[in-house]
């Protein structure tokens, strides 16, 4: 537990009980310049003292240990990219990693093993160090975060240190699919998926961001389709909408699908060639997948538009969102002659919503936390997944 701030200190019961015993059993060994001191450079953290205020060299005395606590670093800096979708929620929770993966926890000084949470004995300083890519789970749930701090025992001093190579990124939303039906009655395009969020904070923390802390962006909506029967003639025309683009994130959103192939769900044209390669080319196209940084473009359409007063144009898929451009709704099909045979087109699908860069579990945790550096995507407050 945190060493008391006043009164006499016991080397055995106060200092060694908190920090572990040195081979020389001397105060001097607790200076980071001493040859017995280990783990002063961990991840992106360098020249760490045993705790803030404890001398790293020169004179050291009992009073320097008043109010000090054990410091530990949780590893999200070594190895390759970690994505919640692939690894699951347990390992992307810093408290769970501390508790279940002792090899991923480094004790500053190296004079003892990390204590179990059920033997916490009051205050400790925990530093969650991120210096690689951390990605989320593209399930469309804005409160689903890529990395969560977890809750910690009372008295913990929690820090999240994001290094220059660290990226905590929400997942991109998938692009919406186009209308499933363009014959009467037509159906609207499907909405784009929501992006998810980056960092979930469940215990008051100092967040020091020297890297990237960014939400996942929403997918573009799918376009709607339409058909016309000019002057109730036997010549009919139909054009489908296109898929929306996937939103930027890690993992990025997948583009919406291309349109259907049957005469009721796909494009059609005089000559009955909707089932031929030429006819299939009239159909709306799939949206592009997003990337880590860029939203995918919505799919293009092949209109029937000879330049006169008769036309039908399927709705283009909306573009997926990214840090520069917001996600777009899908386009609504345009028709020159909606009739009782082919009713007016329904609207394109709505754009998905962006996630958040930081999601605090409640307003008290938010009020007790500090962000140093920038974030991209805004703040959310509520239950975290």
Protein backbone atom coordinates (compact mmCIF):
# COMPACT_ATOMS: atom_id res chain seq x y z
CA UNK A 1 0.00 0.00 0.00
CA UNK A 2 1.05 3.63 -0.32
CA UNK A 3 3.66 4.37 2.33
CA UNK A 4 2.40 6.71 5.05
CA UNK A 5 3.17 10.41 4.74
CA UNK A 6 4.15 11.22 8.33
CA UNK A 7 5.81 9.60 11.32
CA UNK A 8 8.68 7.19 11.53
CA UNK A 9 9.23 4.67 8.72
CA UNK A 10 10.34 1.07 9.05
CA UNK A 11 12.77 -0.17 6.40
CA UNK A 12 11.29 -3.66 6.66
CA UNK A 13 7.60 -3.03 7.25
CA UNK A 14 7.15 0.08 5.12
CA UNK A 15 9.80 0.40 2.41
CA UNK A 16 10.64 -3.26 1.73
CA UNK A 17 7.02 -4.27 2.16
CA UNK A 18 6.01 -1.92 -0.67
CA UNK A 19 8.94 -2.11 -3.07
CA UNK A 20 10.59 -5.46 -2.28
CA UNK A 21 13.99 -6.09 -0.76
CA UNK A 22 17.32 -5.39 -2.43
CA UNK A 23 20.34 -7.67 -2.30
CA UNK A 24 22.23 -5.10 -0.23
CA UNK A 25 19.22 -4.11 1.87
CA UNK A 26 20.20 -0.46 1.55
CA UNK A 27 18.29 2.68 0.59
CA UNK A 28 20.91 3.41 -2.07
CA UNK A 29 19.81 0.41 -4.12
CA UNK A 30 16.42 2.08 -4.70
CA UNK A 31 18.06 4.84 -6.77
CA UNK A 32 17.64 4.13 -10.47
CA UNK A 33 21.35 4.80 -11.04
CA UNK A 34 22.30 1.89 -8.77
CA UNK A 35 23.50 -1.32 -10.43
CA UNK A 36 20.85 -3.33 -8.56
CA UNK A 37 17.99 -1.26 -9.99
CA UNK A 38 16.16 -2.88 -12.93
CA UNK A 39 13.40 -1.86 -15.34
CA UNK A 40 14.03 1.87 -15.45
CA UNK A 41 13.51 1.85 -19.25
CA UNK A 42 10.24 0.13 -20.15
CA UNK A 43 8.46 0.46 -23.49
CA UNK A 44 8.44 4.16 -24.37
CA UNK A 45 9.19 5.16 -20.78
CA UNK A 46 12.78 6.00 -19.92
CA UNK A 47 14.76 6.85 -16.78
CA UNK A 48 11.90 5.87 -14.52
CA UNK A 49 12.47 6.44 -10.81
CA UNK A 50 11.18 3.97 -8.26
CA UNK A 51 8.34 6.50 -7.84
CA UNK A 52 8.03 10.20 -8.51
CA UNK A 53 10.16 12.13 -6.06
CA UNK A 54 12.51 9.31 -5.04
CA UNK A 55 16.07 10.38 -5.95
CA UNK A 56 17.65 8.66 -8.95
CA UNK A 57 21.17 9.47 -7.75
CA UNK A 58 22.97 11.24 -4.93
CA UNK A 59 21.67 11.42 -1.39
CA UNK A 60 18.62 9.34 -0.51
CA UNK A 61 16.90 9.26 2.89
CA UNK A 62 13.89 7.74 4.65
CA UNK A 63 11.79 10.89 4.25
CA UNK A 64 12.05 10.54 0.43
CA UNK A 65 9.74 7.54 0.74
CA UNK A 66 6.83 9.34 2.41
CA UNK A 67 3.64 8.82 0.37
CA UNK A 68 5.36 6.67 -2.29
CA UNK A 69 3.92 3.60 -4.03
CA UNK A 70 4.95 0.69 -6.23
CA UNK A 71 5.02 1.51 -9.98
CA UNK A 72 4.11 -1.07 -12.65
CA UNK A 73 3.81 -0.97 -16.44
CA UNK A 74 1.22 -2.98 -18.41
CA UNK A 75 2.53 -3.95 -21.85
CA UNK A 76 0.64 -2.88 -24.95
CA UNK A 77 3.88 -1.86 -26.64
CA UNK A 78 5.68 -5.09 -27.61
CA UNK A 79 4.86 -7.39 -30.50
CA UNK A 80 2.56 -6.74 -33.43
CA UNK A 81 -0.83 -5.14 -33.91
CA UNK A 82 -3.58 -6.28 -31.53
CA UNK A 83 -7.20 -6.20 -32.71
CA UNK A 84 -10.10 -6.87 -30.37
CA UNK A 85 -12.14 -8.55 -33.11
CA UNK A 86 -9.43 -11.22 -33.41
CA UNK A 87 -8.16 -11.52 -29.83
CA UNK A 88 -11.38 -11.05 -27.85
CA UNK A 89 -12.38 -8.65 -25.11
CA UNK A 90 -10.40 -10.18 -22.23
CA UNK A 91 -6.90 -9.45 -23.50
CA UNK A 92 -7.92 -5.93 -24.63
CA UNK A 93 -8.76 -4.98 -21.03
CA UNK A 94 -5.69 -3.64 -19.17
CA UNK A 95 -6.88 -4.86 -15.76
CA UNK A 96 -7.47 -8.36 -17.13
CA UNK A 97 -4.07 -8.34 -18.79
CA UNK A 98 -2.49 -7.33 -15.48
CA UNK A 99 -4.31 -10.06 -13.62
CA UNK A 100 -4.03 -12.90 -16.15
CA UNK A 101 -0.78 -12.24 -18.05
CA UNK A 102 1.99 -11.57 -15.50
CA UNK A 103 4.61 -11.68 -18.27
CA UNK A 104 2.99 -8.51 -19.64
CA UNK A 105 3.55 -6.58 -16.39
CA UNK A 106 6.89 -4.98 -15.47
CA UNK A 107 7.62 -3.79 -11.93
CA UNK A 108 9.82 -0.69 -11.89
CA UNK A 109 12.97 -1.43 -9.86
CA UNK A 110 12.50 -5.16 -10.24
CA UNK A 111 12.78 -5.89 -6.52
CA UNK A 112 9.52 -7.88 -6.31
CA UNK A 113 6.87 -9.58 -8.43
CA UNK A 114 3.69 -7.75 -9.28
CA UNK A 115 1.11 -8.17 -6.50
CA UNK A 116 -2.18 -9.91 -7.23
CA UNK A 117 -5.18 -7.62 -7.31
CA UNK A 118 -6.65 -9.35 -4.27
CA UNK A 119 -3.44 -8.52 -2.37
CA UNK A 120 -3.25 -4.92 -3.56
CA UNK A 121 -3.00 -3.39 -0.09
CA UNK A 122 -4.06 0.07 -1.22
CA UNK A 123 -2.42 2.45 -3.66
CA UNK A 124 -0.21 1.53 -6.59
CA UNK A 125 0.73 3.38 -9.77
CA UNK A 126 -0.23 1.51 -12.95
CA UNK A 127 0.99 2.76 -16.33
CA UNK A 128 -0.71 1.29 -19.41
CA UNK A 129 1.87 1.83 -22.14
CA UNK A 130 0.71 1.69 -25.77
CA UNK A 131 3.23 1.94 -28.60
CA UNK A 132 1.72 -0.09 -31.43
CA UNK A 133 -1.58 -0.34 -33.27
CA UNK A 134 -4.62 -1.34 -31.22
CA UNK A 135 -7.82 -1.97 -33.17
CA UNK A 136 -11.44 -2.60 -32.30
CA UNK A 137 -14.34 -4.83 -33.20
CA UNK A 138 -16.48 -3.78 -36.17
CA UNK A 139 -19.84 -4.76 -34.74
CA UNK A 140 -21.49 -1.34 -35.21
CA UNK A 141 -21.74 -0.74 -31.45
CA UNK A 142 -20.41 2.74 -30.64
CA UNK A 143 -19.79 1.84 -26.99
CA UNK A 144 -17.58 -1.10 -27.99
CA UNK A 145 -14.00 0.11 -27.44
CA UNK A 146 -10.70 -1.16 -28.83
CA UNK A 147 -8.92 -0.97 -25.46
CA UNK A 148 -10.43 -0.51 -22.03
CA UNK A 149 -8.62 0.34 -18.85
CA UNK A 150 -10.79 -1.84 -16.65
CA UNK A 151 -11.67 -0.85 -13.10
CA UNK A 152 -8.91 -0.82 -10.46
CA UNK A 153 -8.76 -1.04 -6.67
CA UNK A 154 -9.20 2.20 -4.75
CA UNK A 155 -6.04 4.25 -4.31
CA UNK A 156 -4.62 3.24 -7.70
CA UNK A 157 -2.96 6.02 -9.68
CA UNK A 158 -3.72 5.12 -13.31
CA UNK A 159 -1.92 6.46 -16.37
CA UNK A 160 -2.37 5.65 -20.05
CA UNK A 161 0.81 6.53 -21.95
CA UNK A 162 0.46 6.43 -25.75
CA UNK A 163 3.87 6.56 -27.42
CA UNK A 164 4.79 8.10 -30.77
CA UNK A 165 4.11 4.78 -32.53
CA UNK A 166 0.96 4.09 -30.57
CA UNK A 167 -2.42 4.11 -32.27
CA UNK A 168 -5.67 3.26 -30.51
CA UNK A 169 -8.31 3.11 -33.22
CA UNK A 170 -11.99 2.29 -33.32
CA UNK A 171 -13.29 0.04 -36.09
CA UNK A 172 -14.93 1.44 -39.23
CA UNK A 173 -18.58 0.82 -39.97
CA UNK A 174 -19.57 -1.28 -42.97
CA UNK A 175 -21.17 0.33 -45.99
CA UNK A 176 -24.91 -0.11 -46.38
CA UNK A 177 -26.35 -2.40 -49.03
CA UNK A 178 -28.56 -1.02 -51.80
CA UNK A 179 -32.29 -1.59 -52.13
CA UNK A 180 -33.31 -5.21 -52.24
CA UNK A 181 -36.34 -4.53 -54.44
CA UNK A 182 -36.92 -1.94 -57.19
CA UNK A 183 -40.26 -3.22 -58.50
CA UNK A 184 -43.44 -1.91 -56.85
CA UNK A 185 -43.36 -1.40 -53.98
CA UNK A 186 -39.70 -0.27 -53.97
CA UNK A 187 -37.57 -0.50 -50.83
CA UNK A 188 -35.08 2.01 -49.39
CA UNK A 189 -31.33 1.60 -49.29
CA UNK A 190 -29.86 0.12 -46.13
CA UNK A 191 -28.05 2.32 -43.59
CA UNK A 192 -24.30 2.30 -43.14
CA UNK A 193 -22.88 0.68 -40.02
CA UNK A 194 -21.66 2.70 -37.07
CA UNK A 195 -18.00 3.09 -36.28
CA UNK A 196 -16.82 1.92 -32.86
CA UNK A 197 -14.74 3.70 -30.23
CA UNK A 198 -11.06 3.73 -29.31
CA UNK A 199 -10.31 3.95 -25.57
CA UNK A 200 -12.69 3.00 -22.76
CA UNK A 201 -11.88 4.54 -19.37
CA UNK A 202 -13.45 2.90 -16.32
CA UNK A 203 -11.26 4.38 -13.59
CA UNK A 204 -9.98 7.98 -13.29
CA UNK A 205 -6.81 8.26 -15.34
CA UNK A 206 -4.25 10.61 -16.81
CA UNK A 207 -4.17 9.95 -20.56
CA UNK A 208 -0.96 11.21 -22.16
CA UNK A 209 -1.29 10.93 -25.92
CA UNK A 210 1.83 11.29 -28.05
CA UNK A 211 0.41 9.06 -30.79
CA UNK A 212 -3.06 8.64 -32.31
CA UNK A 213 -6.32 8.28 -30.38
CA UNK A 214 -9.12 8.11 -32.93
CA UNK A 215 -12.65 6.84 -33.36
CA UNK A 216 -13.84 4.47 -36.05
CA UNK A 217 -15.89 6.22 -38.73
CA UNK A 218 -19.35 5.38 -40.03
CA UNK A 219 -20.05 3.58 -43.27
CA UNK A 220 -21.87 5.19 -46.18
CA UNK A 221 -25.53 4.40 -46.78
CA UNK A 222 -26.67 2.20 -49.65
CA UNK A 223 -28.39 3.79 -52.64
CA UNK A 224 -32.00 3.07 -53.59
CA UNK A 225 -33.26 1.88 -56.95
CA UNK A 226 -36.17 2.83 -59.15
CA UNK A 227 -38.03 1.95 -62.33
CA UNK A 228 -40.18 3.73 -64.91
CA UNK A 229 -42.91 2.85 -67.37
CA UNK A 230 -43.03 5.95 -69.62
CA UNK A 231 -46.55 6.73 -70.73
CA UNK A 232 -47.60 3.24 -69.62
CA UNK A 233 -45.84 1.89 -72.70
CA UNK A 234 -44.60 -1.68 -72.91
CA UNK A 235 -41.03 -0.38 -72.67
CA UNK A 236 -39.86 -0.36 -69.05
CA UNK A 237 -36.54 0.68 -67.51
CA UNK A 238 -35.10 -0.09 -64.07
CA UNK A 239 -31.89 0.90 -62.36
CA UNK A 240 -30.60 -0.28 -59.01
CA UNK A 241 -28.72 1.61 -56.33
CA UNK A 242 -25.17 0.93 -55.23
CA UNK A 243 -23.42 -0.10 -52.02
CA UNK A 244 -22.03 2.40 -49.53
CA UNK A 245 -18.31 2.73 -48.81
CA UNK A 246 -16.77 1.32 -45.64
CA UNK A 247 -15.69 3.69 -42.90
CA UNK A 248 -12.06 4.26 -41.90
CA UNK A 249 -10.76 2.46 -38.84
CA UNK A 250 -8.99 -0.65 -37.62
CA UNK A 251 -10.37 -2.93 -38.83
CA UNK A 252 -11.81 -0.81 -41.62
CA UNK A 253 -15.42 -1.11 -42.74
CA UNK A 254 -16.35 -3.34 -45.67
CA UNK A 255 -18.13 -1.79 -48.66
CA UNK A 256 -21.83 -2.52 -49.21
CA UNK A 257 -22.71 -5.18 -51.78
CA UNK A 258 -23.67 -4.64 -55.38
CA UNK A 259 -27.31 -4.85 -56.38
CA UNK A 260 -29.42 -7.92 -57.03
CA UNK A 261 -29.62 -9.83 -60.26
CA UNK A 262 -33.28 -10.71 -60.84
CA UNK A 263 -35.71 -8.50 -62.76
CA UNK A 264 -37.37 -7.45 -59.50
CA UNK A 265 -34.11 -6.66 -57.65
CA UNK A 266 -31.70 -5.89 -60.51
CA UNK A 267 -31.64 -3.41 -63.36
CA UNK A 268 -33.69 -4.07 -66.48
CA UNK A 269 -33.87 -2.59 -69.96
CA UNK A 270 -35.74 -3.08 -73.25
CA UNK A 271 -34.72 -6.27 -74.94
CA UNK A 272 -34.93 -8.45 -71.87
CA UNK A 273 -31.17 -8.58 -71.44
CA UNK A 274 -31.08 -8.27 -67.66
CA UNK A 275 -29.76 -11.82 -67.37
CA UNK A 276 -26.93 -11.24 -69.86
CA UNK A 277 -23.49 -9.73 -69.12
CA UNK A 278 -24.67 -6.51 -70.73
CA UNK A 279 -27.75 -6.42 -68.54
CA UNK A 280 -25.75 -7.15 -65.41
CA UNK A 281 -23.55 -4.14 -66.15
CA UNK A 282 -26.60 -1.92 -65.61
CA UNK A 283 -26.66 -2.87 -61.94
CA UNK A 284 -25.27 -0.64 -59.23
CA UNK A 285 -21.79 -1.43 -58.03
CA UNK A 286 -20.42 -2.49 -54.65
CA UNK A 287 -18.97 0.15 -52.35
CA UNK A 288 -15.24 0.21 -51.73
CA UNK A 289 -13.74 -1.04 -48.51
CA UNK A 290 -12.34 1.57 -46.17
CA UNK A 291 -8.73 1.63 -44.99
CA UNK A 292 -7.19 2.47 -41.65
CA UNK A 293 -7.15 6.17 -42.55
CA UNK A 294 -9.55 6.64 -45.48
CA UNK A 295 -13.24 5.93 -46.04
CA UNK A 296 -14.18 3.87 -49.08
CA UNK A 297 -16.04 5.46 -51.98
CA UNK A 298 -19.67 4.54 -52.53
CA UNK A 299 -20.45 2.40 -55.57
CA UNK A 300 -21.25 4.07 -58.90
CA UNK A 301 -24.43 3.54 -60.88
CA UNK A 302 -25.27 2.97 -64.56
CA UNK A 303 -28.21 5.28 -65.30
CA UNK A 304 -30.66 5.12 -68.16
CA UNK A 305 -30.41 8.75 -69.24
CA UNK A 306 -30.52 9.27 -73.01
CA UNK A 307 -30.72 13.04 -72.59
CA UNK A 308 -34.44 13.54 -73.07
CA UNK A 309 -37.36 13.69 -70.68
CA UNK A 310 -37.26 9.97 -69.93
CA UNK A 311 -34.67 8.79 -67.42
CA UNK A 312 -34.11 6.64 -64.37
CA UNK A 313 -30.99 6.84 -62.23
CA UNK A 314 -30.19 4.56 -59.31
CA UNK A 315 -28.90 6.12 -56.12
CA UNK A 316 -25.13 6.19 -55.69
CA UNK A 317 -23.74 4.61 -52.54
CA UNK A 318 -22.60 7.08 -49.88
CA UNK A 319 -18.91 7.43 -49.14
CA UNK A 320 -17.57 6.01 -45.90
CA UNK A 321 -16.35 8.50 -43.31
CA UNK A 322 -12.83 9.39 -42.25
CA UNK A 323 -11.00 12.15 -40.41
CA UNK A 324 -11.45 14.55 -43.33
CA UNK A 325 -14.97 13.81 -44.58
CA UNK A 326 -18.06 12.62 -42.71
CA UNK A 327 -19.90 9.49 -43.84
CA UNK A 328 -22.58 10.12 -46.47
CA UNK A 329 -26.11 8.88 -46.87
CA UNK A 330 -26.91 6.79 -49.92
CA UNK A 331 -28.45 8.52 -52.91
CA UNK A 332 -32.16 8.27 -53.76
CA UNK A 333 -33.06 6.98 -57.21
CA UNK A 334 -34.40 9.58 -59.67
CA UNK A 335 -37.28 8.75 -62.01
CA UNK A 336 -38.93 10.75 -64.76
CA UNK A 337 -42.18 8.78 -64.77
CA UNK A 338 -43.15 7.11 -61.49
CA UNK A 339 -46.48 5.41 -62.08
CA UNK A 340 -48.81 2.96 -60.43
CA UNK A 341 -46.69 0.23 -62.00
CA UNK A 342 -43.47 1.63 -60.50
CA UNK A 343 -44.00 3.82 -57.45
CA UNK A 344 -41.69 6.67 -56.49
CA UNK A 345 -38.30 5.50 -55.26
CA UNK A 346 -37.62 5.20 -51.58
CA UNK A 347 -34.69 7.15 -50.05
CA UNK A 348 -31.13 5.95 -49.84
CA UNK A 349 -29.87 4.52 -46.56
CA UNK A 350 -28.67 6.81 -43.78
CA UNK A 351 -24.96 7.16 -43.08
CA UNK A 352 -23.58 5.33 -40.07
CA UNK A 353 -22.49 7.28 -37.01
CA UNK A 354 -18.87 7.75 -35.99
CA UNK A 355 -17.61 6.19 -32.77
CA UNK A 356 -15.80 8.15 -30.04
CA UNK A 357 -12.11 8.57 -29.31
CA UNK A 358 -12.67 8.14 -25.55
CA UNK A 359 -15.62 6.55 -23.81
CA UNK A 360 -15.86 7.19 -20.04
CA UNK A 361 -17.98 4.78 -18.07
CA UNK A 362 -19.65 7.61 -16.11
CA UNK A 363 -19.39 11.35 -15.45
CA UNK A 364 -17.41 10.86 -12.22
CA UNK A 365 -14.68 8.94 -14.04
CA UNK A 366 -14.66 11.63 -16.73
CA UNK A 367 -14.35 14.42 -14.15
CA UNK A 368 -11.49 12.63 -12.42
CA UNK A 369 -9.53 12.08 -15.65
CA UNK A 370 -7.14 14.30 -17.59
CA UNK A 371 -6.27 14.18 -21.29
CA UNK A 372 -2.86 15.50 -22.31
CA UNK A 373 -2.60 15.82 -26.09
CA UNK A 374 -5.25 15.55 -28.77
CA UNK A 375 -8.02 13.12 -29.68
CA UNK A 376 -10.09 12.68 -32.81
CA UNK A 377 -13.72 11.71 -32.59
CA UNK A 378 -15.05 13.29 -29.42
CA UNK A 379 -16.05 11.97 -26.02
CA UNK A 380 -18.78 9.56 -24.97
CA UNK A 381 -20.11 8.75 -21.51
CA UNK A 382 -21.98 5.56 -20.62
CA UNK A 383 -21.68 1.80 -20.27
CA UNK A 384 -18.70 0.35 -22.11
CA UNK A 385 -18.50 -2.92 -24.04
